[in-house]
Amino acid sequence: MLETSARLLALLSLLQARRDWPGRTLADRLEVSPRTVRRDVDRLRELGYPVQATRGPEGGYRLDAGSELPPLLFDDDQAVAVAVALQTATISVQGVEEAALRALATVRQVMPVRLRHRVDALRVTRVVKSGWREGDIDAQHLLAIGTAVRAREVLRFDYAGRRELAEGVGQQRAPRRAEPHHLVTWGGRWYLVGWDLDRKDWRTYRVDRMTPRTPNGPRFAPRDLPAADVVDFIAERFERRDPLPCKGTVILHVPAEAANEWIRGQALVEDIGPDRCRVTAGSWSWTGLASWFGMFDADFELVGPPELRAAAEALAERFARAVHQPAG
């Protein structure tokens, strides 16, 4: 039988693992009597853990939420997951950087050496390209939006959309009203999926452009998304919203397997022979698409459309002039 301190830790670990435990099952797992389990539960309560007794044929115990955060137990994978989450939390959410780093230091300090090495091996570095808008999220805004989603309350907020940004920051508009349904991340940004009450349609809002207003509106009955789930909904919306306007095809003089090693999902590759493949890709400009095809260290044939051929001819002339022009 375990010593009292070790047994208390084992009991706490079991109570954290699932919601309800029959008293007899806990006694069997700990190899003690139900009376000993009752005494150990009383000790945990004295330490601040809100262990509640549950009703039933045998009676049992449940670890409820309390007014303070007591010490927690994590297994190895949970501890590493918490440490990684605390690092990545500082990347896109403003206002949590210091608290997240302090929490990370606390978790790391009590980690076994084997886990500390795993966490130290992963360092997340924030890199922002010059001139790019970071799209940082205010932690209080994120919390307010998440609270409205959970409470199913109409959200009132100011929104700096494309039209608002084009008209100027000084423009004053009535707040937007939406039934918030899901908070999601896509492409490194946070989005809210909601039913726009004024436009009477589903919308996605960038959270970094939202400023919630208080108080929230009335509660609402959730609507069904026009998709199988929120993942399909978001994927369909973004693919439709940002289609690449320039799509073209070439026949690349390399095996499809070799082309796939270079392309890695950026384009469609079709095997048409032992040393040839058809590649279809998209870009925001015909010149950019022609340049992309030219980056492959292989000959290729232009299939089309005519705009791609014209862009390739213009690039060929530009490169020819650059090659024959004297330096300086």
C-alpha atoms as a PDB file:
ATOM      1  CA  MET A   1       0.000   0.000   0.000  1.00  0.00           C
ATOM      2  CA  LEU A   2       1.217   3.491  -0.826  1.00  0.00           C
ATOM      3  CA  GLU A   3       2.315   5.883   1.904  1.00  0.00           C
ATOM      4  CA  THR A   4      -0.171   8.630   2.774  1.00  0.00           C
ATOM      5  CA  SER A   5       1.496  11.440   0.752  1.00  0.00           C
ATOM      6  CA  ALA A   6       1.963   9.259  -2.331  1.00  0.00           C
ATOM      7  CA  ARG A   7      -1.589   7.957  -1.982  1.00  0.00           C
ATOM      8  CA  LEU A   8      -2.969  11.515  -1.848  1.00  0.00           C
ATOM      9  CA  LEU A   9      -1.155  12.368  -5.071  1.00  0.00           C
ATOM     10  CA  ALA A  10      -2.481   9.198  -6.700  1.00  0.00           C
ATOM     11  CA  LEU A  11      -6.019  10.013  -5.539  1.00  0.00           C
ATOM     12  CA  LEU A  12      -5.743  13.573  -6.873  1.00  0.00           C
ATOM     13  CA  SER A  13      -4.482  12.300 -10.211  1.00  0.00           C
ATOM     14  CA  LEU A  14      -7.478   9.942 -10.493  1.00  0.00           C
ATOM     15  CA  LEU A  15      -9.965  12.686  -9.586  1.00  0.00           C
ATOM     16  CA  GLN A  16      -8.486  14.957 -12.277  1.00  0.00           C
ATOM     17  CA  ALA A  17      -8.665  12.209 -14.896  1.00  0.00           C
ATOM     18  CA  ARG A  18     -12.481  11.941 -15.052  1.00  0.00           C
ATOM     19  CA  ARG A  19     -15.535  13.674 -13.629  1.00  0.00           C
ATOM     20  CA  ASP A  20     -17.143  11.098 -11.302  1.00  0.00           C
ATOM     21  CA  TRP A  21     -15.598   8.204  -9.397  1.00  0.00           C
ATOM     22  CA  PRO A  22     -17.532   5.621  -7.365  1.00  0.00           C
ATOM     23  CA  GLY A  23     -16.007   5.309  -3.891  1.00  0.00           C
ATOM     24  CA  ARG A  24     -15.524   1.558  -4.213  1.00  0.00           C
ATOM     25  CA  THR A  25     -13.704   1.963  -7.545  1.00  0.00           C
ATOM     26  CA  LEU A  26     -11.311   4.494  -6.015  1.00  0.00           C
ATOM     27  CA  ALA A  27     -10.652   2.162  -3.090  1.00  0.00           C
ATOM     28  CA  ASP A  28      -9.889  -0.722  -5.474  1.00  0.00           C
ATOM     29  CA  ARG A  29      -7.553   1.424  -7.610  1.00  0.00           C
ATOM     30  CA  LEU A  30      -5.651   2.626  -4.559  1.00  0.00           C
ATOM     31  CA  GLU A  31      -5.785  -0.792  -2.851  1.00  0.00           C
ATOM     32  CA  VAL A  32      -7.243   0.667   0.362  1.00  0.00           C
ATOM     33  CA  SER A  33     -10.572   0.554   2.164  1.00  0.00           C
ATOM     34  CA  PRO A  34     -13.464   2.964   1.418  1.00  0.00           C
ATOM     35  CA  ARG A  35     -12.900   4.409   4.895  1.00  0.00           C
ATOM     36  CA  THR A  36      -9.311   5.312   3.949  1.00  0.00           C
ATOM     37  CA  VAL A  37     -10.578   6.960   0.772  1.00  0.00           C
ATOM     38  CA  ARG A  38     -12.953   9.081   2.854  1.00  0.00           C
ATOM     39  CA  ARG A  39     -10.096  10.176   5.136  1.00  0.00           C
ATOM     40  CA  ASP A  40      -7.888  11.009   2.132  1.00  0.00           C
ATOM     41  CA  VAL A  41     -10.696  13.024   0.556  1.00  0.00           C
ATOM     42  CA  ASP A  42     -10.975  15.014   3.795  1.00  0.00           C
ATOM     43  CA  ARG A  43      -7.208  15.707   3.644  1.00  0.00           C
ATOM     44  CA  LEU A  44      -7.522  16.986   0.071  1.00  0.00           C
ATOM     45  CA  ARG A  45     -10.338  19.275   1.143  1.00  0.00           C
ATOM     46  CA  GLU A  46      -8.139  20.669   3.909  1.00  0.00           C
ATOM     47  CA  LEU A  47      -5.504  21.423   1.239  1.00  0.00           C
ATOM     48  CA  GLY A  48      -8.032  23.435  -0.757  1.00  0.00           C
ATOM     49  CA  TYR A  49      -9.245  20.890  -3.304  1.00  0.00           C
ATOM     50  CA  PRO A  50     -13.047  21.129  -3.754  1.00  0.00           C
ATOM     51  CA  VAL A  51     -13.863  17.396  -3.699  1.00  0.00           C
ATOM     52  CA  GLN A  52     -17.625  16.872  -3.577  1.00  0.00           C
ATOM     53  CA  ALA A  53     -19.492  13.724  -2.587  1.00  0.00           C
ATOM     54  CA  THR A  54     -21.871  12.391  -5.259  1.00  0.00           C
ATOM     55  CA  ARG A  55     -25.095  10.542  -4.778  1.00  0.00           C
ATOM     56  CA  GLY A  56     -25.786   7.074  -6.107  1.00  0.00           C
ATOM     57  CA  PRO A  57     -26.132   3.436  -5.144  1.00  0.00           C
ATOM     58  CA  GLU A  58     -22.509   3.320  -3.947  1.00  0.00           C
ATOM     59  CA  GLY A  59     -21.767   7.010  -3.536  1.00  0.00           C
ATOM     60  CA  GLY A  60     -18.674   8.606  -4.986  1.00  0.00           C
ATOM     61  CA  TYR A  61     -16.547  11.715  -5.410  1.00  0.00           C
ATOM     62  CA  ARG A  62     -16.064  14.536  -7.890  1.00  0.00           C
ATOM     63  CA  LEU A  63     -13.388  17.241  -8.150  1.00  0.00           C
ATOM     64  CA  ASP A  64     -15.295  20.488  -8.734  1.00  0.00           C
ATOM     65  CA  ALA A  65     -14.113  23.976  -9.591  1.00  0.00           C
ATOM     66  CA  GLY A  66     -13.213  26.093  -6.560  1.00  0.00           C
ATOM     67  CA  SER A  67     -12.652  29.738  -5.724  1.00  0.00           C
ATOM     68  CA  GLU A  68      -8.862  29.401  -5.966  1.00  0.00           C
ATOM     69  CA  LEU A  69      -6.524  27.430  -8.192  1.00  0.00           C
ATOM     70  CA  PRO A  70      -4.965  24.581  -6.207  1.00  0.00           C
ATOM     71  CA  PRO A  71      -1.805  22.756  -7.285  1.00  0.00           C
ATOM     72  CA  LEU A  72      -2.383  20.588 -10.349  1.00  0.00           C
ATOM     73  CA  LEU A  73      -0.905  17.311 -11.520  1.00  0.00           C
ATOM     74  CA  PHE A  74       0.060  16.745 -15.144  1.00  0.00           C
ATOM     75  CA  ASP A  75       1.339  13.654 -16.871  1.00  0.00           C
ATOM     76  CA  ASP A  76       4.381  14.004 -19.166  1.00  0.00           C
ATOM     77  CA  ASP A  77       2.453  14.739 -22.364  1.00  0.00           C
ATOM     78  CA  GLN A  78       0.157  17.212 -20.623  1.00  0.00           C
ATOM     79  CA  ALA A  79       3.089  19.102 -19.113  1.00  0.00           C
ATOM     80  CA  VAL A  80       4.820  19.451 -22.486  1.00  0.00           C
ATOM     81  CA  ALA A  81       1.544  20.493 -24.144  1.00  0.00           C
ATOM     82  CA  VAL A  82       0.992  23.209 -21.521  1.00  0.00           C
ATOM     83  CA  ALA A  83       4.530  24.534 -21.983  1.00  0.00           C
ATOM     84  CA  VAL A  84       4.177  24.657 -25.778  1.00  0.00           C
ATOM     85  CA  ALA A  85       0.771  26.351 -25.521  1.00  0.00           C
ATOM     86  CA  LEU A  86       2.193  29.002 -23.187  1.00  0.00           C
ATOM     87  CA  GLN A  87       4.965  29.766 -25.680  1.00  0.00           C
ATOM     88  CA  THR A  88       2.621  30.076 -28.663  1.00  0.00           C
ATOM     89  CA  ALA A  89       0.131  32.164 -26.666  1.00  0.00           C
ATOM     90  CA  THR A  90       2.596  35.056 -26.763  1.00  0.00           C
ATOM     91  CA  ILE A  91       2.686  35.093 -30.569  1.00  0.00           C
ATOM     92  CA  SER A  92      -0.731  36.455 -31.509  1.00  0.00           C
ATOM     93  CA  VAL A  93      -2.588  37.526 -28.381  1.00  0.00           C
ATOM     94  CA  GLN A  94      -1.733  40.868 -26.806  1.00  0.00           C
ATOM     95  CA  GLY A  95      -1.878  41.323 -23.065  1.00  0.00           C
ATOM     96  CA  VAL A  96      -0.934  37.785 -22.059  1.00  0.00           C
ATOM     97  CA  GLU A  97       2.787  37.871 -22.856  1.00  0.00           C
ATOM     98  CA  GLU A  98       4.093  38.547 -19.345  1.00  0.00           C
ATOM     99  CA  ALA A  99       1.577  36.243 -17.616  1.00  0.00           C
ATOM    100  CA  ALA A 100       2.240  33.447 -20.108  1.00  0.00           C
ATOM    101  CA  LEU A 101       6.019  33.727 -19.699  1.00  0.00           C
ATOM    102  CA  ARG A 102       5.704  33.720 -15.895  1.00  0.00           C
ATOM    103  CA  ALA A 103       3.448  30.665 -16.069  1.00  0.00           C
ATOM    104  CA  LEU A 104       5.923  28.971 -18.418  1.00  0.00           C
ATOM    105  CA  ALA A 105       8.777  29.649 -15.969  1.00  0.00           C
ATOM    106  CA  THR A 106       6.690  28.198 -13.131  1.00  0.00           C
ATOM    107  CA  VAL A 107       5.825  25.030 -15.061  1.00  0.00           C
ATOM    108  CA  ARG A 108       9.378  24.588 -16.299  1.00  0.00           C
ATOM    109  CA  GLN A 109      10.852  24.971 -12.793  1.00  0.00           C
ATOM    110  CA  VAL A 110       8.986  21.961 -11.413  1.00  0.00           C
ATOM    111  CA  MET A 111       9.431  19.769 -14.494  1.00  0.00           C
ATOM    112  CA  PRO A 112      11.621  16.689 -14.363  1.00  0.00           C
ATOM    113  CA  VAL A 113      14.861  17.113 -16.297  1.00  0.00           C
ATOM    114  CA  ARG A 114      13.713  14.745 -19.054  1.00  0.00           C
ATOM    115  CA  LEU A 115      10.671  16.951 -19.755  1.00  0.00           C
ATOM    116  CA  ARG A 116      12.602  20.197 -19.397  1.00  0.00           C
ATOM    117  CA  HIS A 117      14.906  19.097 -22.223  1.00  0.00           C
ATOM    118  CA  ARG A 118      11.890  18.410 -24.448  1.00  0.00           C
ATOM    119  CA  VAL A 119      10.432  21.855 -23.786  1.00  0.00           C
ATOM    120  CA  ASP A 120      13.774  23.657 -24.192  1.00  0.00           C
ATOM    121  CA  ALA A 121      14.220  21.978 -27.573  1.00  0.00           C
ATOM    122  CA  LEU A 122      11.209  23.891 -28.891  1.00  0.00           C
ATOM    123  CA  ARG A 123      11.682  27.650 -28.990  1.00  0.00           C
ATOM    124  CA  VAL A 124       9.026  29.694 -30.795  1.00  0.00           C
ATOM    125  CA  THR A 125      10.326  32.936 -32.320  1.00  0.00           C
ATOM    126  CA  ARG A 126       8.087  35.732 -33.504  1.00  0.00           C
ATOM    127  CA  VAL A 127       9.031  37.034 -36.968  1.00  0.00           C
ATOM    128  CA  VAL A 128       7.072  39.871 -38.595  1.00  0.00           C
ATOM    129  CA  LYS A 129       7.926  41.089 -42.084  1.00  0.00           C
ATOM    130  CA  SER A 130       8.589  44.812 -42.430  1.00  0.00           C
ATOM    131  CA  GLY A 131       5.478  46.727 -43.384  1.00  0.00           C
ATOM    132  CA  TRP A 132       3.096  43.865 -42.626  1.00  0.00           C
ATOM    133  CA  ARG A 133       0.220  44.342 -40.261  1.00  0.00           C
ATOM    134  CA  GLU A 134       0.679  41.858 -37.467  1.00  0.00           C
ATOM    135  CA  GLY A 135      -2.962  41.238 -36.696  1.00  0.00           C
ATOM    136  CA  ASP A 136      -2.356  40.927 -32.938  1.00  0.00           C
ATOM    137  CA  ILE A 137      -5.336  40.050 -30.778  1.00  0.00           C
ATOM    138  CA  ASP A 138      -6.258  41.951 -27.639  1.00  0.00           C
ATOM    139  CA  ALA A 139      -6.662  39.351 -24.897  1.00  0.00           C
ATOM    140  CA  GLN A 140      -9.649  41.166 -23.367  1.00  0.00           C
ATOM    141  CA  HIS A 141     -11.391  41.357 -26.741  1.00  0.00           C
ATOM    142  CA  LEU A 142     -10.799  37.656 -27.311  1.00  0.00           C
ATOM    143  CA  LEU A 143     -12.188  36.867 -23.864  1.00  0.00           C
ATOM    144  CA  ALA A 144     -15.271  39.028 -24.427  1.00  0.00           C
ATOM    145  CA  ILE A 145     -16.005  37.386 -27.766  1.00  0.00           C
ATOM    146  CA  GLY A 146     -15.455  33.895 -26.392  1.00  0.00           C
ATOM    147  CA  THR A 147     -17.778  34.672 -23.476  1.00  0.00           C
ATOM    148  CA  ALA A 148     -20.522  35.784 -25.880  1.00  0.00           C
ATOM    149  CA  VAL A 149     -20.076  32.596 -27.913  1.00  0.00           C
ATOM    150  CA  ARG A 150     -20.410  30.438 -24.817  1.00  0.00           C
ATOM    151  CA  ALA A 151     -23.366  32.409 -23.418  1.00  0.00           C
ATOM    152  CA  ARG A 152     -25.098  32.562 -26.824  1.00  0.00           C
ATOM    153  CA  GLU A 153     -25.604  36.298 -26.498  1.00  0.00           C
ATOM    154  CA  VAL A 154     -25.793  38.743 -29.403  1.00  0.00           C
ATOM    155  CA  LEU A 155     -22.453  40.503 -29.783  1.00  0.00           C
ATOM    156  CA  ARG A 156     -22.266  44.238 -30.472  1.00  0.00           C
ATOM    157  CA  PHE A 157     -18.938  45.453 -31.848  1.00  0.00           C
ATOM    158  CA  ASP A 158     -17.139  48.017 -33.958  1.00  0.00           C
ATOM    159  CA  TYR A 159     -15.453  46.503 -36.986  1.00  0.00           C
ATOM    160  CA  ALA A 160     -12.688  47.871 -39.204  1.00  0.00           C
ATOM    161  CA  GLY A 161     -13.531  45.951 -42.371  1.00  0.00           C
ATOM    162  CA  ARG A 162     -12.224  46.648 -45.853  1.00  0.00           C
ATOM    163  CA  ARG A 163     -14.816  49.347 -46.488  1.00  0.00           C
ATOM    164  CA  GLU A 164     -14.194  51.001 -43.129  1.00  0.00           C
ATOM    165  CA  LEU A 165     -10.431  50.946 -43.636  1.00  0.00           C
ATOM    166  CA  ALA A 166     -10.787  52.432 -47.122  1.00  0.00           C
ATOM    167  CA  GLU A 167     -13.034  55.253 -45.853  1.00  0.00           C
ATOM    168  CA  GLY A 168     -10.721  56.132 -42.979  1.00  0.00           C
ATOM    169  CA  VAL A 169     -10.345  55.415 -39.313  1.00  0.00           C
ATOM    170  CA  GLY A 170     -12.317  58.515 -38.387  1.00  0.00           C
ATOM    171  CA  GLN A 171     -15.555  57.223 -39.883  1.00  0.00           C
ATOM    172  CA  GLN A 172     -18.198  56.618 -37.205  1.00  0.00           C
ATOM    173  CA  ARG A 173     -20.641  53.825 -37.904  1.00  0.00           C
ATOM    174  CA  ALA A 174     -23.321  52.080 -35.930  1.00  0.00           C
ATOM    175  CA  PRO A 175     -22.007  48.946 -34.200  1.00  0.00           C
ATOM    176  CA  ARG A 176     -22.323  45.628 -35.965  1.00  0.00           C
ATOM    177  CA  ARG A 177     -24.632  43.029 -34.439  1.00  0.00           C
ATOM    178  CA  ALA A 178     -24.064  39.314 -34.814  1.00  0.00           C
ATOM    179  CA  GLU A 179     -24.975  36.012 -33.242  1.00  0.00           C
ATOM    180  CA  PRO A 180     -21.492  34.628 -32.436  1.00  0.00           C
ATOM    181  CA  HIS A 181     -21.164  30.904 -33.048  1.00  0.00           C
ATOM    182  CA  HIS A 182     -17.495  29.863 -33.261  1.00  0.00           C
ATOM    183  CA  LEU A 183     -14.027  31.260 -32.657  1.00  0.00           C
ATOM    184  CA  VAL A 184     -11.556  29.711 -35.076  1.00  0.00           C
ATOM    185  CA  THR A 185      -7.988  30.183 -36.287  1.00  0.00           C
ATOM    186  CA  TRP A 186      -7.027  30.107 -39.951  1.00  0.00           C
ATOM    187  CA  GLY A 187      -3.700  30.976 -41.507  1.00  0.00           C
ATOM    188  CA  GLY A 188      -2.337  32.314 -38.221  1.00  0.00           C
ATOM    189  CA  ARG A 189      -5.291  34.660 -37.599  1.00  0.00           C
ATOM    190  CA  TRP A 190      -8.316  34.488 -35.296  1.00  0.00           C
ATOM    191  CA  TYR A 191     -11.793  34.697 -36.812  1.00  0.00           C
ATOM    192  CA  LEU A 192     -15.331  34.797 -35.461  1.00  0.00           C
ATOM    193  CA  VAL A 193     -18.011  32.904 -37.346  1.00  0.00           C
ATOM    194  CA  GLY A 194     -21.398  34.513 -36.770  1.00  0.00           C
ATOM    195  CA  TRP A 195     -24.824  35.290 -38.171  1.00  0.00           C
ATOM    196  CA  ASP A 196     -24.927  38.988 -39.111  1.00  0.00           C
ATOM    197  CA  LEU A 197     -28.301  40.279 -37.910  1.00  0.00           C
ATOM    198  CA  ASP A 198     -28.304  43.306 -40.216  1.00  0.00           C
ATOM    199  CA  ARG A 199     -27.158  41.530 -43.381  1.00  0.00           C
ATOM    200  CA  LYS A 200     -29.064  38.360 -42.467  1.00  0.00           C
ATOM    201  CA  ASP A 201     -26.281  36.085 -43.596  1.00  0.00           C
ATOM    202  CA  TRP A 202     -23.320  34.155 -42.242  1.00  0.00           C
ATOM    203  CA  ARG A 203     -20.119  36.168 -41.934  1.00  0.00           C
ATOM    204  CA  THR A 204     -16.525  35.693 -40.813  1.00  0.00           C
ATOM    205  CA  TYR A 205     -14.903  38.569 -38.899  1.00  0.00           C
ATOM    206  CA  ARG A 206     -11.221  39.050 -38.211  1.00  0.00           C
ATOM    207  CA  VAL A 207     -10.922  39.300 -34.444  1.00  0.00           C
ATOM    208  CA  ASP A 208      -7.994  41.746 -34.632  1.00  0.00           C
ATOM    209  CA  ARG A 209     -10.373  44.194 -36.361  1.00  0.00           C
ATOM    210  CA  MET A 210     -13.152  43.820 -33.781  1.00  0.00           C
ATOM    211  CA  THR A 211     -13.787  46.009 -30.733  1.00  0.00           C
ATOM    212  CA  PRO A 212     -16.620  44.525 -28.656  1.00  0.00           C
ATOM    213  CA  ARG A 213     -19.138  46.858 -27.042  1.00  0.00           C
ATOM    214  CA  THR A 214     -20.927  46.309 -23.754  1.00  0.00           C
ATOM    215  CA  PRO A 215     -23.387  45.151 -22.781  1.00  0.00           C
ATOM    216  CA  ASN A 216     -24.128  42.169 -25.002  1.00  0.00           C
ATOM    217  CA  GLY A 217     -27.519  41.767 -26.600  1.00  0.00           C
ATOM    218  CA  PRO A 218     -30.189  39.155 -25.821  1.00  0.00           C
ATOM    219  CA  ARG A 219     -29.654  35.416 -25.849  1.00  0.00           C
ATOM    220  CA  PHE A 220     -30.348  33.542 -29.094  1.00  0.00           C
ATOM    221  CA  ALA A 221     -31.081  30.020 -30.244  1.00  0.00           C
ATOM    222  CA  PRO A 222     -28.108  28.758 -32.289  1.00  0.00           C
ATOM    223  CA  ARG A 223     -28.650  28.371 -36.025  1.00  0.00           C
ATOM    224  CA  ASP A 224     -27.353  25.511 -38.151  1.00  0.00           C
ATOM    225  CA  LEU A 225     -24.255  26.297 -40.174  1.00  0.00           C
ATOM    226  CA  PRO A 226     -24.649  25.924 -43.964  1.00  0.00           C
ATOM    227  CA  ALA A 227     -21.925  23.253 -43.895  1.00  0.00           C
ATOM    228  CA  ALA A 228     -21.171  19.920 -42.269  1.00  0.00           C
ATOM    229  CA  ASP A 229     -19.122  21.639 -39.557  1.00  0.00           C
ATOM    230  CA  VAL A 230     -17.245  24.854 -38.887  1.00  0.00           C
ATOM    231  CA  VAL A 231     -14.055  23.487 -40.500  1.00  0.00           C
ATOM    232  CA  ASP A 232     -15.804  22.879 -43.824  1.00  0.00           C
ATOM    233  CA  PHE A 233     -17.565  26.239 -43.534  1.00  0.00           C
ATOM    234  CA  ILE A 234     -14.329  28.188 -43.014  1.00  0.00           C
ATOM    235  CA  ALA A 235     -12.431  26.299 -45.731  1.00  0.00           C
ATOM    236  CA  GLU A 236     -15.190  26.918 -48.268  1.00  0.00           C
ATOM    237  CA  ARG A 237     -15.506  30.598 -47.377  1.00  0.00           C
ATOM    238  CA  PHE A 238     -11.820  31.371 -47.710  1.00  0.00           C
ATOM    239  CA  GLU A 239     -11.349  29.432 -50.909  1.00  0.00           C
ATOM    240  CA  ARG A 240     -14.274  31.289 -52.431  1.00  0.00           C
ATOM    241  CA  ARG A 241     -13.215  34.676 -51.055  1.00  0.00           C
ATOM    242  CA  ASP A 242      -9.595  34.602 -52.183  1.00  0.00           C
ATOM    243  CA  PRO A 243      -9.473  32.646 -55.462  1.00  0.00           C
ATOM    244  CA  LEU A 244      -6.207  33.007 -57.329  1.00  0.00           C
ATOM    245  CA  PRO A 245      -7.132  34.985 -60.466  1.00  0.00           C
ATOM    246  CA  CYS A 246      -4.368  33.625 -62.718  1.00  0.00           C
ATOM    247  CA  LYS A 247      -4.206  29.886 -63.355  1.00  0.00           C
ATOM    248  CA  GLY A 248      -2.044  28.231 -65.961  1.00  0.00           C
ATOM    249  CA  THR A 249      -0.623  24.889 -67.032  1.00  0.00           C
ATOM    250  CA  VAL A 250       2.744  23.699 -68.290  1.00  0.00           C
ATOM    251  CA  ILE A 251       4.253  20.316 -69.143  1.00  0.00           C
ATOM    252  CA  LEU A 252       7.354  19.941 -67.021  1.00  0.00           C
ATOM    253  CA  HIS A 253      10.136  17.709 -68.313  1.00  0.00           C
ATOM    254  CA  VAL A 254      10.668  15.818 -65.077  1.00  0.00           C
ATOM    255  CA  PRO A 255       8.915  12.805 -63.523  1.00  0.00           C
ATOM    256  CA  ALA A 256       5.819  13.619 -61.469  1.00  0.00           C
ATOM    257  CA  GLU A 257       7.464  12.184 -58.365  1.00  0.00           C
ATOM    258  CA  ALA A 258      10.380  14.604 -58.671  1.00  0.00           C
ATOM    259  CA  ALA A 259       8.053  17.556 -59.315  1.00  0.00           C
ATOM    260  CA  ASN A 260       6.046  16.740 -56.208  1.00  0.00           C
ATOM    261  CA  GLU A 261       9.219  16.907 -54.124  1.00  0.00           C
ATOM    262  CA  TRP A 262       9.650  20.515 -55.254  1.00  0.00           C
ATOM    263  CA  ILE A 263       6.033  21.624 -55.300  1.00  0.00           C
ATOM    264  CA  ARG A 264       4.821  20.066 -52.005  1.00  0.00           C
ATOM    265  CA  GLY A 265       1.118  20.764 -52.438  1.00  0.00           C
ATOM    266  CA  GLN A 266       1.434  24.222 -54.059  1.00  0.00           C
ATOM    267  CA  ALA A 267       0.034  23.008 -57.390  1.00  0.00           C
ATOM    268  CA  LEU A 268      -1.695  20.113 -59.127  1.00  0.00           C
ATOM    269  CA  VAL A 269       0.734  17.577 -60.607  1.00  0.00           C
ATOM    270  CA  GLU A 270      -0.435  14.962 -63.141  1.00  0.00           C
ATOM    271  CA  ASP A 271       1.771  12.087 -64.269  1.00  0.00           C
ATOM    272  CA  ILE A 272       1.769  11.865 -68.097  1.00  0.00           C
ATOM    273  CA  GLY A 273       4.905   9.827 -68.719  1.00  0.00           C
ATOM    274  CA  PRO A 274       8.152   8.470 -67.294  1.00  0.00           C
ATOM    275  CA  ASP A 275       9.891  11.862 -67.530  1.00  0.00           C
ATOM    276  CA  ARG A 276       7.043  14.347 -67.977  1.00  0.00           C
ATOM    277  CA  CYS A 277       4.178  15.714 -65.905  1.00  0.00           C
ATOM    278  CA  ARG A 278       1.463  18.317 -66.288  1.00  0.00           C
ATOM    279  CA  VAL A 279       1.535  21.043 -63.628  1.00  0.00           C
ATOM    280  CA  THR A 280      -1.356  23.459 -63.008  1.00  0.00           C
ATOM    281  CA  ALA A 281      -0.807  26.325 -60.585  1.00  0.00           C
ATOM    282  CA  GLY A 282      -2.248  29.696 -59.659  1.00  0.00           C
ATOM    283  CA  SER A 283      -0.913  33.130 -58.764  1.00  0.00           C
ATOM    284  CA  TRP A 284      -2.000  36.718 -58.264  1.00  0.00           C
ATOM    285  CA  SER A 285      -0.400  37.798 -61.569  1.00  0.00           C
ATOM    286  CA  TRP A 286       0.535  36.189 -64.878  1.00  0.00           C
ATOM    287  CA  THR A 287       4.097  37.465 -64.569  1.00  0.00           C
ATOM    288  CA  GLY A 288       4.391  35.912 -61.123  1.00  0.00           C
ATOM    289  CA  LEU A 289       3.017  32.603 -62.409  1.00  0.00           C
ATOM    290  CA  ALA A 290       5.429  32.552 -65.366  1.00  0.00           C
ATOM    291  CA  SER A 291       8.306  33.332 -63.006  1.00  0.00           C
ATOM    292  CA  TRP A 292       7.244  30.503 -60.692  1.00  0.00           C
ATOM    293  CA  PHE A 293       7.273  27.963 -63.512  1.00  0.00           C
ATOM    294  CA  GLY A 294      10.682  29.279 -64.574  1.00  0.00           C
ATOM    295  CA  MET A 295      12.182  28.540 -61.159  1.00  0.00           C
ATOM    296  CA  PHE A 296      12.219  24.802 -61.862  1.00  0.00           C
ATOM    297  CA  ASP A 297      15.599  23.566 -63.053  1.00  0.00           C
ATOM    298  CA  ALA A 298      13.989  21.808 -66.020  1.00  0.00           C
ATOM    299  CA  ASP A 299      12.625  22.522 -69.477  1.00  0.00           C
ATOM    300  CA  PHE A 300       8.881  22.936 -69.850  1.00  0.00           C
ATOM    301  CA  GLU A 301       6.198  23.480 -72.493  1.00  0.00           C
ATOM    302  CA  LEU A 302       3.571  26.187 -72.125  1.00  0.00           C
ATOM    303  CA  VAL A 303       0.067  24.754 -72.381  1.00  0.00           C
ATOM    304  CA  GLY A 304      -1.885  27.915 -71.652  1.00  0.00           C
ATOM    305  CA  PRO A 305      -3.774  30.099 -71.390  1.00  0.00           C
ATOM    306  CA  PRO A 306      -2.572  32.815 -73.807  1.00  0.00           C
ATOM    307  CA  GLU A 307      -2.024  35.247 -70.918  1.00  0.00           C
ATOM    308  CA  LEU A 308       0.585  32.902 -69.448  1.00  0.00           C
ATOM    309  CA  ARG A 309       2.380  32.673 -72.807  1.00  0.00           C
ATOM    310  CA  ALA A 310       2.397  36.463 -73.167  1.00  0.00           C
ATOM    311  CA  ALA A 311       3.826  36.875 -69.657  1.00  0.00           C
ATOM    312  CA  ALA A 312       6.548  34.296 -70.406  1.00  0.00           C
ATOM    313  CA  GLU A 313       7.484  36.094 -73.645  1.00  0.00           C
ATOM    314  CA  ALA A 314       7.710  39.430 -71.787  1.00  0.00           C
ATOM    315  CA  LEU A 315       9.948  37.847 -69.144  1.00  0.00           C
ATOM    316  CA  ALA A 316      12.133  36.244 -71.815  1.00  0.00           C
ATOM    317  CA  GLU A 317      12.685  39.627 -73.480  1.00  0.00           C
ATOM    318  CA  ARG A 318      13.425  41.256 -70.125  1.00  0.00           C
ATOM    319  CA  PHE A 319      15.999  38.617 -69.211  1.00  0.00           C
ATOM    320  CA  ALA A 320      17.567  38.821 -72.667  1.00  0.00           C
ATOM    321  CA  ARG A 321      18.024  42.569 -72.326  1.00  0.00           C
ATOM    322  CA  ALA A 322      19.523  42.123 -68.888  1.00  0.00           C
ATOM    323  CA  VAL A 323      22.002  39.505 -70.138  1.00  0.00           C
ATOM    324  CA  HIS A 324      23.201  41.610 -73.093  1.00  0.00           C
ATOM    325  CA  GLN A 325      23.216  44.969 -71.367  1.00  0.00           C
ATOM    326  CA  PRO A 326      26.701  46.030 -70.220  1.00  0.00           C
ATOM    327  CA  ALA A 327      27.093  46.141 -66.452  1.00  0.00           C
ATOM    328  CA  GLY A 328      26.815  49.680 -65.025  1.00  0.00           C
END
